[in-house]
Amino acid sequence: MDGDAILLMLALGPASAAGFYWAMHRHYRNTDKSHAFEHETAVEVLALTGVEADRKVDEIRATRAPRIQGDNVGNHRQRVQPM
C-alpha cells in the first residue's frame, strides 16, 4: 500500500465513528420530528381540591404494629425454596 491509502484508512475510522454517532443521535432524539409541548399543546387546568371526585372508601386503624400477622421472617427454610 502506498502512503495515501494508509492515510485514507486512518481517516476512515474517526469519520465512520462520527457518522455512526450522528445517525444514532438523530434516530433516538428525533429532533426534526419533535414539537414544543409547552407551546403547541393546550392544557386545561382544573381545581386542585379534588372534592368533586373524592369519596372515602375505607379506614385502616392500628398500623403501628411492628410485625405483619403470619410473616415468615424467622423461618428461613419456609421462605427460601430450592430451585
PDB file of N, CA and C in Angstrom:
ATOM      1  N   MET A   1       0.833  -1.184   0.000  1.00  0.00           N
ATOM      2  CA  MET A   1       0.000   0.000   0.000  1.00  0.00           C
ATOM      3  C   MET A   1       0.871   1.238   0.000  1.00  0.00           C
ATOM      4  N   ASP A   2       0.383   2.238  -0.653  1.00  0.00           N
ATOM      5  CA  ASP A   2       1.131   3.492  -0.645  1.00  0.00           C
ATOM      6  C   ASP A   2       0.657   4.376   0.505  1.00  0.00           C
ATOM      7  N   GLY A   3       1.290   5.507   0.677  1.00  0.00           N
ATOM      8  CA  GLY A   3       1.020   6.399   1.804  1.00  0.00           C
ATOM      9  C   GLY A   3      -0.383   6.972   1.799  1.00  0.00           C
ATOM     10  N   ASP A   4      -0.924   7.245   0.597  1.00  0.00           N
ATOM     11  CA  ASP A   4      -2.266   7.831   0.527  1.00  0.00           C
ATOM     12  C   ASP A   4      -3.339   6.841   0.982  1.00  0.00           C
ATOM     13  N   ALA A   5      -3.166   5.574   0.659  1.00  0.00           N
ATOM     14  CA  ALA A   5      -4.144   4.564   1.057  1.00  0.00           C
ATOM     15  C   ALA A   5      -4.141   4.368   2.570  1.00  0.00           C
ATOM     16  N   ILE A   6      -2.949   4.433   3.165  1.00  0.00           N
ATOM     17  CA  ILE A   6      -2.853   4.283   4.617  1.00  0.00           C
ATOM     18  C   ILE A   6      -3.515   5.463   5.315  1.00  0.00           C
ATOM     19  N   LEU A   7      -3.284   6.678   4.813  1.00  0.00           N
ATOM     20  CA  LEU A   7      -3.925   7.857   5.397  1.00  0.00           C
ATOM     21  C   LEU A   7      -5.444   7.797   5.244  1.00  0.00           C
ATOM     22  N   LEU A   8      -5.905   7.288   4.110  1.00  0.00           N
ATOM     23  CA  LEU A   8      -7.340   7.148   3.891  1.00  0.00           C
ATOM     24  C   LEU A   8      -7.938   6.153   4.886  1.00  0.00           C
ATOM     25  N   MET A   9      -7.255   5.047   5.119  1.00  0.00           N
ATOM     26  CA  MET A   9      -7.737   4.053   6.080  1.00  0.00           C
ATOM     27  C   MET A   9      -7.738   4.617   7.503  1.00  0.00           C
ATOM     28  N   LEU A  10      -6.711   5.406   7.850  1.00  0.00           N
ATOM     29  CA  LEU A  10      -6.659   6.010   9.177  1.00  0.00           C
ATOM     30  C   LEU A  10      -7.757   7.050   9.369  1.00  0.00           C
ATOM     31  N   ALA A  11      -8.092   7.789   8.338  1.00  0.00           N
ATOM     32  CA  ALA A  11      -9.138   8.809   8.432  1.00  0.00           C
ATOM     33  C   ALA A  11     -10.531   8.191   8.407  1.00  0.00           C
ATOM     34  N   LEU A  12     -10.644   7.002   7.837  1.00  0.00           N
ATOM     35  CA  LEU A  12     -11.947   6.353   7.720  1.00  0.00           C
ATOM     36  C   LEU A  12     -12.504   5.945   9.089  1.00  0.00           C
ATOM     37  N   GLY A  13     -11.666   5.589  10.037  1.00  0.00           N
ATOM     38  CA  GLY A  13     -12.122   5.181  11.373  1.00  0.00           C
ATOM     39  C   GLY A  13     -12.842   6.288  12.122  1.00  0.00           C
ATOM     40  N   PRO A  14     -12.192   7.437  12.361  1.00  0.00           N
ATOM     41  CA  PRO A  14     -12.882   8.519  13.065  1.00  0.00           C
ATOM     42  C   PRO A  14     -14.079   9.069  12.289  1.00  0.00           C
ATOM     43  N   ALA A  15     -13.992   9.087  10.961  1.00  0.00           N
ATOM     44  CA  ALA A  15     -15.117   9.590  10.165  1.00  0.00           C
ATOM     45  C   ALA A  15     -16.323   8.667  10.295  1.00  0.00           C
ATOM     46  N   SER A  16     -16.097   7.364  10.276  1.00  0.00           N
ATOM     47  CA  SER A  16     -17.218   6.435  10.421  1.00  0.00           C
ATOM     48  C   SER A  16     -17.778   6.477  11.841  1.00  0.00           C
ATOM     49  N   ALA A  17     -16.933   6.680  12.841  1.00  0.00           N
ATOM     50  CA  ALA A  17     -17.415   6.802  14.221  1.00  0.00           C
ATOM     51  C   ALA A  17     -18.280   8.045  14.379  1.00  0.00           C
ATOM     52  N   ALA A  18     -17.855   9.157  13.801  1.00  0.00           N
ATOM     53  CA  ALA A  18     -18.647  10.386  13.870  1.00  0.00           C
ATOM     54  C   ALA A  18     -19.969  10.219  13.128  1.00  0.00           C
ATOM     55  N   GLY A  19     -19.948   9.558  11.990  1.00  0.00           N
ATOM     56  CA  GLY A  19     -21.181   9.314  11.243  1.00  0.00           C
ATOM     57  C   GLY A  19     -22.136   8.413  12.002  1.00  0.00           C
ATOM     58  N   PHE A  20     -21.618   7.381  12.647  1.00  0.00           N
ATOM     59  CA  PHE A  20     -22.451   6.477  13.437  1.00  0.00           C
ATOM     60  C   PHE A  20     -23.062   7.212  14.622  1.00  0.00           C
ATOM     61  N   TYR A  21     -22.268   8.047  15.303  1.00  0.00           N
ATOM     62  CA  TYR A  21     -22.777   8.826  16.433  1.00  0.00           C
ATOM     63  C   TYR A  21     -23.884   9.764  15.976  1.00  0.00           C
ATOM     64  N   TRP A  22     -23.679  10.443  14.862  1.00  0.00           N
ATOM     65  CA  TRP A  22     -24.683  11.371  14.336  1.00  0.00           C
ATOM     66  C   TRP A  22     -25.968  10.625  13.974  1.00  0.00           C
ATOM     67  N   ALA A  23     -25.858   9.461  13.339  1.00  0.00           N
ATOM     68  CA  ALA A  23     -27.039   8.685  12.949  1.00  0.00           C
ATOM     69  C   ALA A  23     -27.809   8.197  14.178  1.00  0.00           C
ATOM     70  N   MET A  24     -27.111   7.723  15.200  1.00  0.00           N
ATOM     71  CA  MET A  24     -27.787   7.265  16.411  1.00  0.00           C
ATOM     72  C   MET A  24     -28.438   8.432  17.152  1.00  0.00           C
ATOM     73  N   HIS A  25     -27.764   9.573  17.162  1.00  0.00           N
ATOM     74  CA  HIS A  25     -28.332  10.751  17.811  1.00  0.00           C
ATOM     75  C   HIS A  25     -29.623  11.170  17.117  1.00  0.00           C
ATOM     76  N   ARG A  26     -29.626  11.211  15.798  1.00  0.00           N
ATOM     77  CA  ARG A  26     -30.840  11.581  15.059  1.00  0.00           C
ATOM     78  C   ARG A  26     -31.926  10.533  15.226  1.00  0.00           C
ATOM     79  N   HIS A  27     -31.557   9.274  15.265  1.00  0.00           N
ATOM     80  CA  HIS A  27     -32.549   8.206  15.376  1.00  0.00           C
ATOM     81  C   HIS A  27     -33.252   8.242  16.731  1.00  0.00           C
ATOM     82  N   TYR A  28     -32.506   8.408  17.818  1.00  0.00           N
ATOM     83  CA  TYR A  28     -33.104   8.333  19.141  1.00  0.00           C
ATOM     84  C   TYR A  28     -33.643   9.663  19.639  1.00  0.00           C
ATOM     85  N   ARG A  29     -33.122  10.762  19.194  1.00  0.00           N
ATOM     86  CA  ARG A  29     -33.598  12.060  19.662  1.00  0.00           C
ATOM     87  C   ARG A  29     -34.765  12.581  18.836  1.00  0.00           C
ATOM     88  N   ASN A  30     -34.826  12.250  17.559  1.00  0.00           N
ATOM     89  CA  ASN A  30     -35.893  12.710  16.667  1.00  0.00           C
ATOM     90  C   ASN A  30     -36.085  14.223  16.763  1.00  0.00           C
ATOM     91  N   THR A  31     -34.988  14.954  16.761  1.00  0.00           N
ATOM     92  CA  THR A  31     -35.090  16.398  16.923  1.00  0.00           C
ATOM     93  C   THR A  31     -35.823  17.056  15.765  1.00  0.00           C
ATOM     94  N   ASP A  32     -35.799  16.456  14.603  1.00  0.00           N
ATOM     95  CA  ASP A  32     -36.501  17.063  13.480  1.00  0.00           C
ATOM     96  C   ASP A  32     -37.990  16.731  13.491  1.00  0.00           C
ATOM     97  N   LYS A  33     -38.421  15.781  14.326  1.00  0.00           N
ATOM     98  CA  LYS A  33     -39.820  15.375  14.358  1.00  0.00           C
ATOM     99  C   LYS A  33     -40.523  15.773  15.652  1.00  0.00           C
ATOM    100  N   SER A  34     -39.810  16.318  16.604  1.00  0.00           N
ATOM    101  CA  SER A  34     -40.421  16.643  17.887  1.00  0.00           C
ATOM    102  C   SER A  34     -41.125  17.995  17.830  1.00  0.00           C
ATOM    103  N   HIS A  35     -41.960  18.242  18.806  1.00  0.00           N
ATOM    104  CA  HIS A  35     -42.644  19.527  18.892  1.00  0.00           C
ATOM    105  C   HIS A  35     -42.447  20.095  20.290  1.00  0.00           C
ATOM    106  N   ALA A  36     -42.686  21.369  20.427  1.00  0.00           N
ATOM    107  CA  ALA A  36     -42.536  22.032  21.714  1.00  0.00           C
ATOM    108  C   ALA A  36     -43.830  21.844  22.496  1.00  0.00           C
ATOM    109  N   PHE A  37     -43.840  20.941  23.461  1.00  0.00           N
ATOM    110  CA  PHE A  37     -45.052  20.613  24.206  1.00  0.00           C
ATOM    111  C   PHE A  37     -45.624  21.843  24.899  1.00  0.00           C
ATOM    112  N   GLU A  38     -44.760  22.657  25.476  1.00  0.00           N
ATOM    113  CA  GLU A  38     -45.226  23.808  26.239  1.00  0.00           C
ATOM    114  C   GLU A  38     -45.928  24.834  25.359  1.00  0.00           C
ATOM    115  N   HIS A  39     -45.545  24.927  24.085  1.00  0.00           N
ATOM    116  CA  HIS A  39     -46.100  25.952  23.205  1.00  0.00           C
ATOM    117  C   HIS A  39     -47.195  25.424  22.293  1.00  0.00           C
ATOM    118  N   GLU A  40     -47.170  24.158  21.941  1.00  0.00           N
ATOM    119  CA  GLU A  40     -48.095  23.631  20.939  1.00  0.00           C
ATOM    120  C   GLU A  40     -49.207  22.758  21.511  1.00  0.00           C
ATOM    121  N   THR A  41     -49.269  22.567  22.830  1.00  0.00           N
ATOM    122  CA  THR A  41     -50.275  21.707  23.435  1.00  0.00           C
ATOM    123  C   THR A  41     -51.134  22.525  24.385  1.00  0.00           C
ATOM    124  N   ALA A  42     -52.447  22.421  24.200  1.00  0.00           N
ATOM    125  CA  ALA A  42     -53.373  23.119  25.088  1.00  0.00           C
ATOM    126  C   ALA A  42     -53.619  22.259  26.323  1.00  0.00           C
ATOM    127  N   VAL A  43     -53.435  22.850  27.491  1.00  0.00           N
ATOM    128  CA  VAL A  43     -53.622  22.138  28.746  1.00  0.00           C
ATOM    129  C   VAL A  43     -54.700  22.858  29.538  1.00  0.00           C
ATOM    130  N   GLU A  44     -55.712  22.096  29.961  1.00  0.00           N
ATOM    131  CA  GLU A  44     -56.783  22.676  30.759  1.00  0.00           C
ATOM    132  C   GLU A  44     -56.458  22.469  32.231  1.00  0.00           C
ATOM    133  N   VAL A  45     -56.458  23.537  32.982  1.00  0.00           N
ATOM    134  CA  VAL A  45     -56.138  23.475  34.402  1.00  0.00           C
ATOM    135  C   VAL A  45     -57.434  23.337  35.184  1.00  0.00           C
ATOM    136  N   LEU A  46     -57.506  22.329  36.047  1.00  0.00           N
ATOM    137  CA  LEU A  46     -58.685  22.089  36.866  1.00  0.00           C
ATOM    138  C   LEU A  46     -58.391  22.455  38.311  1.00  0.00           C
ATOM    139  N   ALA A  47     -59.435  22.505  39.107  1.00  0.00           N
ATOM    140  CA  ALA A  47     -59.274  22.802  40.525  1.00  0.00           C
ATOM    141  C   ALA A  47     -58.487  21.678  41.202  1.00  0.00           C
ATOM    142  N   LEU A  48     -57.615  22.035  42.108  1.00  0.00           N
ATOM    143  CA  LEU A  48     -56.760  21.056  42.770  1.00  0.00           C
ATOM    144  C   LEU A  48     -57.373  20.475  44.036  1.00  0.00           C
ATOM    145  N   THR A  49     -58.582  20.875  44.381  1.00  0.00           N
ATOM    146  CA  THR A  49     -59.169  20.389  45.628  1.00  0.00           C
ATOM    147  C   THR A  49     -59.551  18.925  45.540  1.00  0.00           C
ATOM    148  N   GLY A  50     -60.057  18.469  44.414  1.00  0.00           N
ATOM    149  CA  GLY A  50     -60.441  17.077  44.264  1.00  0.00           C
ATOM    150  C   GLY A  50     -61.724  16.717  44.968  1.00  0.00           C
ATOM    151  N   VAL A  51     -62.462  17.695  45.446  1.00  0.00           N
ATOM    152  CA  VAL A  51     -63.684  17.446  46.195  1.00  0.00           C
ATOM    153  C   VAL A  51     -64.745  16.805  45.307  1.00  0.00           C
ATOM    154  N   GLU A  52     -64.727  17.109  44.028  1.00  0.00           N
ATOM    155  CA  GLU A  52     -65.763  16.625  43.124  1.00  0.00           C
ATOM    156  C   GLU A  52     -65.729  15.110  42.967  1.00  0.00           C
ATOM    157  N   ALA A  53     -64.557  14.503  42.933  1.00  0.00           N
ATOM    158  CA  ALA A  53     -64.451  13.079  42.628  1.00  0.00           C
ATOM    159  C   ALA A  53     -64.030  12.226  43.820  1.00  0.00           C
ATOM    160  N   ASP A  54     -63.513  12.823  44.877  1.00  0.00           N
ATOM    161  CA  ASP A  54     -63.009  12.041  46.003  1.00  0.00           C
ATOM    162  C   ASP A  54     -64.133  11.639  46.947  1.00  0.00           C
ATOM    163  N   ARG A  55     -64.080  10.395  47.388  1.00  0.00           N
ATOM    164  CA  ARG A  55     -65.001   9.928  48.409  1.00  0.00           C
ATOM    165  C   ARG A  55     -64.253   8.919  49.276  1.00  0.00           C
ATOM    166  N   LYS A  56     -64.609   8.866  50.539  1.00  0.00           N
ATOM    167  CA  LYS A  56     -63.940   7.975  51.478  1.00  0.00           C
ATOM    168  C   LYS A  56     -64.406   6.544  51.239  1.00  0.00           C
ATOM    169  N   VAL A  57     -63.462   5.626  51.116  1.00  0.00           N
ATOM    170  CA  VAL A  57     -63.792   4.236  50.833  1.00  0.00           C
ATOM    171  C   VAL A  57     -63.686   3.384  52.091  1.00  0.00           C
ATOM    172  N   ASP A  58     -62.582   3.487  52.801  1.00  0.00           N
ATOM    173  CA  ASP A  58     -62.347   2.623  53.949  1.00  0.00           C
ATOM    174  C   ASP A  58     -61.450   3.346  54.938  1.00  0.00           C
ATOM    175  N   GLU A  59     -61.351   2.792  56.128  1.00  0.00           N
ATOM    176  CA  GLU A  59     -60.488   3.370  57.147  1.00  0.00           C
ATOM    177  C   GLU A  59     -59.682   2.251  57.782  1.00  0.00           C
ATOM    178  N   ILE A  60     -58.362   2.411  57.827  1.00  0.00           N
ATOM    179  CA  ILE A  60     -57.480   1.405  58.409  1.00  0.00           C
ATOM    180  C   ILE A  60     -56.908   1.980  59.694  1.00  0.00           C
ATOM    181  N   ARG A  61     -57.016   1.211  60.770  1.00  0.00           N
ATOM    182  CA  ARG A  61     -56.519   1.669  62.068  1.00  0.00           C
ATOM    183  C   ARG A  61     -55.468   0.692  62.590  1.00  0.00           C
ATOM    184  N   ALA A  62     -54.733   1.110  63.580  1.00  0.00           N
ATOM    185  CA  ALA A  62     -53.735   0.288  64.273  1.00  0.00           C
ATOM    186  C   ALA A  62     -52.652  -0.195  63.313  1.00  0.00           C
ATOM    187  N   THR A  63     -52.061   0.730  62.581  1.00  0.00           N
ATOM    188  CA  THR A  63     -50.990   0.372  61.650  1.00  0.00           C
ATOM    189  C   THR A  63     -49.610   0.511  62.279  1.00  0.00           C
ATOM    190  N   ARG A  64     -49.533   0.614  63.590  1.00  0.00           N
ATOM    191  CA  ARG A  64     -48.241   0.771  64.254  1.00  0.00           C
ATOM    192  C   ARG A  64     -47.654  -0.563  64.702  1.00  0.00           C
ATOM    193  N   ALA A  65     -48.258  -1.656  64.341  1.00  0.00           N
ATOM    194  CA  ALA A  65     -47.735  -2.968  64.733  1.00  0.00           C
ATOM    195  C   ALA A  65     -46.384  -3.195  64.063  1.00  0.00           C
ATOM    196  N   PRO A  66     -45.373  -3.683  64.809  1.00  0.00           N
ATOM    197  CA  PRO A  66     -44.047  -3.857  64.218  1.00  0.00           C
ATOM    198  C   PRO A  66     -43.950  -5.057  63.278  1.00  0.00           C
ATOM    199  N   ARG A  67     -44.867  -5.994  63.358  1.00  0.00           N
ATOM    200  CA  ARG A  67     -44.818  -7.197  62.525  1.00  0.00           C
ATOM    201  C   ARG A  67     -46.141  -7.368  61.792  1.00  0.00           C
ATOM    202  N   ILE A  68     -46.110  -8.072  60.710  1.00  0.00           N
ATOM    203  CA  ILE A  68     -47.307  -8.418  59.962  1.00  0.00           C
ATOM    204  C   ILE A  68     -47.740  -9.803  60.413  1.00  0.00           C
ATOM    205  N   GLN A  69     -49.022  -9.962  60.651  1.00  0.00           N
ATOM    206  CA  GLN A  69     -49.534 -11.245  61.121  1.00  0.00           C
ATOM    207  C   GLN A  69     -49.299 -12.313  60.055  1.00  0.00           C
ATOM    208  N   GLY A  70     -48.691 -13.432  60.450  1.00  0.00           N
ATOM    209  CA  GLY A  70     -48.444 -14.533  59.532  1.00  0.00           C
ATOM    210  C   GLY A  70     -47.141 -14.420  58.755  1.00  0.00           C
ATOM    211  N   ASP A  71     -46.246 -13.503  59.128  1.00  0.00           N
ATOM    212  CA  ASP A  71     -44.984 -13.390  58.388  1.00  0.00           C
ATOM    213  C   ASP A  71     -44.093 -14.605  58.659  1.00  0.00           C
ATOM    214  N   ASN A  72     -43.129 -14.830  57.800  1.00  0.00           N
ATOM    215  CA  ASN A  72     -42.237 -15.986  57.950  1.00  0.00           C
ATOM    216  C   ASN A  72     -40.776 -15.540  57.987  1.00  0.00           C
ATOM    217  N   VAL A  73     -40.508 -14.435  58.657  1.00  0.00           N
ATOM    218  CA  VAL A  73     -39.152 -13.911  58.738  1.00  0.00           C
ATOM    219  C   VAL A  73     -38.247 -14.848  59.528  1.00  0.00           C
ATOM    220  N   GLY A  74     -38.760 -15.446  60.587  1.00  0.00           N
ATOM    221  CA  GLY A  74     -37.936 -16.299  61.429  1.00  0.00           C
ATOM    222  C   GLY A  74     -37.703 -17.689  60.870  1.00  0.00           C
ATOM    223  N   ASN A  75     -38.449 -18.120  59.886  1.00  0.00           N
ATOM    224  CA  ASN A  75     -38.331 -19.473  59.351  1.00  0.00           C
ATOM    225  C   ASN A  75     -37.680 -19.407  57.973  1.00  0.00           C
ATOM    226  N   HIS A  76     -36.362 -19.529  57.955  1.00  0.00           N
ATOM    227  CA  HIS A  76     -35.625 -19.401  56.703  1.00  0.00           C
ATOM    228  C   HIS A  76     -35.974 -20.508  55.718  1.00  0.00           C
ATOM    229  N   ARG A  77     -36.154 -21.709  56.189  1.00  0.00           N
ATOM    230  CA  ARG A  77     -36.438 -22.842  55.294  1.00  0.00           C
ATOM    231  C   ARG A  77     -37.789 -22.679  54.599  1.00  0.00           C
ATOM    232  N   GLN A  78     -38.725 -22.028  55.238  1.00  0.00           N
ATOM    233  CA  GLN A  78     -40.028 -21.811  54.615  1.00  0.00           C
ATOM    234  C   GLN A  78     -39.946 -20.689  53.573  1.00  0.00           C
ATOM    235  N   ARG A  79     -39.118 -19.670  53.838  1.00  0.00           N
ATOM    236  CA  ARG A  79     -39.005 -18.537  52.925  1.00  0.00           C
ATOM    237  C   ARG A  79     -38.253 -18.890  51.659  1.00  0.00           C
ATOM    238  N   VAL A  80     -37.137 -19.629  51.786  1.00  0.00           N
ATOM    239  CA  VAL A  80     -36.262 -19.894  50.650  1.00  0.00           C
ATOM    240  C   VAL A  80     -36.523 -21.304  50.151  1.00  0.00           C
ATOM    241  N   GLN A  81     -37.006 -21.399  48.942  1.00  0.00           N
ATOM    242  CA  GLN A  81     -37.279 -22.694  48.327  1.00  0.00           C
ATOM    243  C   GLN A  81     -36.155 -23.017  47.347  1.00  0.00           C
ATOM    244  N   PRO A  82     -35.617 -24.248  47.344  1.00  0.00           N
ATOM    245  CA  PRO A  82     -34.577 -24.589  46.360  1.00  0.00           C
ATOM    246  C   PRO A  82     -35.168 -24.634  44.954  1.00  0.00           C
ATOM    247  N   MET A  83     -34.379 -24.230  43.989  1.00  0.00           N
ATOM    248  CA  MET A  83     -34.844 -24.207  42.596  1.00  0.00           C
ATOM    249  C   MET A  83     -34.778 -25.584  41.999  1.00  0.00           C
TER     250      MET A  83
END
